Amino acid sequence: LSLMPDTARLFRALVHAAGTGSMAVVDGRHLRPSDESVDALRWLEGTPPDALVVPAASVVNGGVASFRSEGVFEVSGNRTERKVQKIQSDGVALPPTSGWEWRWNNVPEAIARVVLRLTEEVSCLGETESVV
């Protein structure tokens, strides 16, 4: 389990948001990223973040379990449903501030505006255990 998604996954999520979200442009029967989104994504791709904020994380494991049916079996003429105890996955609790940072005085205003709008369109970063 990764506490922080890597920058490639973040970038892919922003590209997806640019091409399918509210900032996308209708091109015939398809959507495509707007020119301003492409400019912002190119800037991000060529400009590594100045800082990475990795919060203190707490692994949450309350020993929660459930019983799952493994099917019906016949043993010596008796049909029985077999249930097996399965431990639930651990979770990770994070404070609200985490992610990548660029010094805003180094980010062109137009780029910052577009990136902020694109981040509002990101619903997930590709896997169920991803932080958003």
Protein backbone atom coordinates (compact mmCIF):
# COMPACT_ATOMS: atom_id res chain seq x y z
CA LEU A 1 0.00 0.00 0.00
CA SER A 2 1.50 3.30 -1.07
CA LEU A 3 0.85 6.24 1.23
CA MET A 4 1.30 8.71 -1.64
CA PRO A 5 0.54 8.11 -5.31
CA ASP A 6 3.50 8.82 -7.55
CA THR A 7 3.66 11.90 -9.78
CA ALA A 8 3.02 9.85 -12.92
CA ARG A 9 -0.38 8.74 -11.58
CA LEU A 10 -1.23 12.31 -10.60
CA PHE A 11 -0.25 13.55 -14.06
CA ARG A 12 -2.34 10.84 -15.78
CA ALA A 13 -5.34 11.81 -13.65
CA LEU A 14 -4.94 15.46 -14.67
CA VAL A 15 -4.62 14.48 -18.36
CA HIS A 16 -7.82 12.43 -18.04
CA ALA A 17 -9.60 15.34 -16.36
CA ALA A 18 -8.43 17.69 -19.11
CA GLY A 19 -9.74 15.40 -21.84
CA THR A 20 -13.04 14.35 -20.30
CA GLY A 21 -13.99 16.95 -17.69
CA SER A 22 -15.76 20.28 -17.85
CA MET A 23 -12.74 22.01 -19.43
CA ALA A 24 -12.64 19.59 -22.39
CA VAL A 25 -13.49 20.92 -25.85
CA VAL A 26 -15.95 19.23 -28.21
CA ASP A 27 -14.12 18.24 -31.39
CA GLY A 28 -16.59 16.63 -33.79
CA ARG A 29 -18.01 13.69 -31.89
CA HIS A 30 -15.18 13.54 -29.37
CA LEU A 31 -13.76 15.53 -26.49
CA ARG A 32 -10.18 16.77 -26.33
CA PRO A 33 -8.21 18.89 -23.87
CA SER A 34 -8.45 22.65 -24.40
CA ASP A 35 -5.36 24.54 -25.52
CA GLU A 36 -5.04 26.11 -22.06
CA SER A 37 -5.17 22.64 -20.45
CA VAL A 38 -2.48 21.37 -22.83
CA ASP A 39 -0.29 24.37 -21.95
CA ALA A 40 -0.75 23.74 -18.23
CA LEU A 41 -0.02 20.02 -18.57
CA ARG A 42 3.13 20.73 -20.58
CA TRP A 43 4.26 23.16 -17.89
CA LEU A 44 3.66 20.55 -15.16
CA GLU A 45 5.44 17.88 -17.15
CA GLY A 46 8.51 20.06 -17.53
CA THR A 47 8.52 21.56 -14.03
CA PRO A 48 9.11 19.20 -11.11
CA PRO A 49 7.49 20.16 -7.80
CA ASP A 50 9.50 22.18 -5.27
CA ALA A 51 8.28 20.12 -2.34
CA LEU A 52 6.50 16.94 -1.42
CA VAL A 53 4.23 17.06 1.61
CA VAL A 54 4.05 13.61 3.17
CA PRO A 55 1.85 13.68 6.26
CA ALA A 56 2.18 11.42 9.25
CA ALA A 57 -0.01 8.42 8.43
CA SER A 58 -1.68 6.03 10.81
CA VAL A 59 -2.43 2.49 9.74
CA VAL A 60 -5.93 1.63 10.88
CA ASN A 61 -6.51 -2.00 11.73
CA GLY A 62 -9.35 -2.70 14.06
CA GLY A 63 -9.24 -6.45 13.48
CA VAL A 64 -12.45 -6.23 11.49
CA ALA A 65 -13.46 -9.49 9.88
CA SER A 66 -16.38 -10.84 7.92
CA PHE A 67 -17.58 -14.30 7.03
CA ARG A 68 -17.75 -15.11 3.34
CA SER A 69 -19.50 -18.03 1.76
CA GLU A 70 -17.19 -20.38 -0.12
CA GLY A 71 -20.07 -22.35 -1.57
CA VAL A 72 -22.13 -25.40 -0.79
CA PHE A 73 -20.34 -28.71 -0.26
CA GLU A 74 -21.61 -32.23 0.12
CA VAL A 75 -19.86 -34.35 2.73
CA SER A 76 -21.10 -37.90 3.44
CA GLY A 77 -24.48 -37.13 1.91
CA ASN A 78 -24.94 -33.92 3.90
CA ARG A 79 -25.05 -30.61 2.11
CA THR A 80 -23.45 -27.78 4.05
CA GLU A 81 -22.56 -24.20 3.30
CA ARG A 82 -18.96 -23.43 4.11
CA LYS A 83 -18.21 -19.99 5.51
CA VAL A 84 -14.70 -18.72 6.07
CA GLN A 85 -13.58 -15.79 8.18
CA LYS A 86 -11.76 -13.15 6.10
CA ILE A 87 -9.83 -10.27 7.67
CA GLN A 88 -10.66 -6.93 6.08
CA SER A 89 -7.91 -4.83 4.52
CA ASP A 90 -6.04 -2.30 6.61
CA GLY A 91 -6.78 1.34 6.02
CA VAL A 92 -4.58 4.39 6.26
CA ALA A 93 -5.72 7.59 7.96
CA LEU A 94 -4.19 10.81 6.60
CA PRO A 95 -4.59 14.42 7.69
CA PRO A 96 -6.15 16.72 5.08
CA THR A 97 -2.88 18.23 3.77
CA SER A 98 -0.73 16.11 1.50
CA GLY A 99 0.61 16.26 -2.02
CA TRP A 100 3.01 18.12 -4.25
CA GLU A 101 3.80 21.82 -4.02
CA TRP A 102 5.15 24.39 -6.41
CA ARG A 103 6.15 27.82 -5.18
CA TRP A 104 3.30 29.97 -6.42
CA ASN A 105 5.60 32.86 -7.25
CA ASN A 106 7.24 30.50 -9.78
CA VAL A 107 3.96 29.35 -11.34
CA PRO A 108 2.43 31.50 -14.09
CA GLU A 109 -1.03 32.67 -13.03
CA ALA A 110 -2.78 31.16 -16.07
CA ILE A 111 -1.15 27.77 -15.39
CA ALA A 112 -2.11 27.85 -11.70
CA ARG A 113 -5.73 28.71 -12.55
CA VAL A 114 -6.04 25.82 -15.03
CA VAL A 115 -4.32 23.28 -12.76
CA LEU A 116 -6.61 24.20 -9.87
CA ARG A 117 -9.65 23.68 -12.11
CA LEU A 118 -8.31 20.36 -13.36
CA THR A 119 -7.72 19.07 -9.82
CA GLU A 120 -11.42 19.63 -9.11
CA GLU A 121 -12.19 17.13 -11.89
CA VAL A 122 -10.02 14.31 -10.50
CA SER A 123 -12.17 11.71 -8.78
CA CYS A 124 -9.58 8.98 -8.28
CA LEU A 125 -5.96 8.21 -9.01
CA GLY A 126 -6.46 4.82 -10.59
CA GLU A 127 -6.78 2.32 -7.75
CA THR A 128 -9.21 1.87 -4.89
CA GLU A 129 -6.49 2.36 -2.31
CA SER A 130 -5.37 5.66 -3.88
CA VAL A 131 -5.70 8.88 -2.02
CA VAL A 132 -7.48 11.59 -4.01
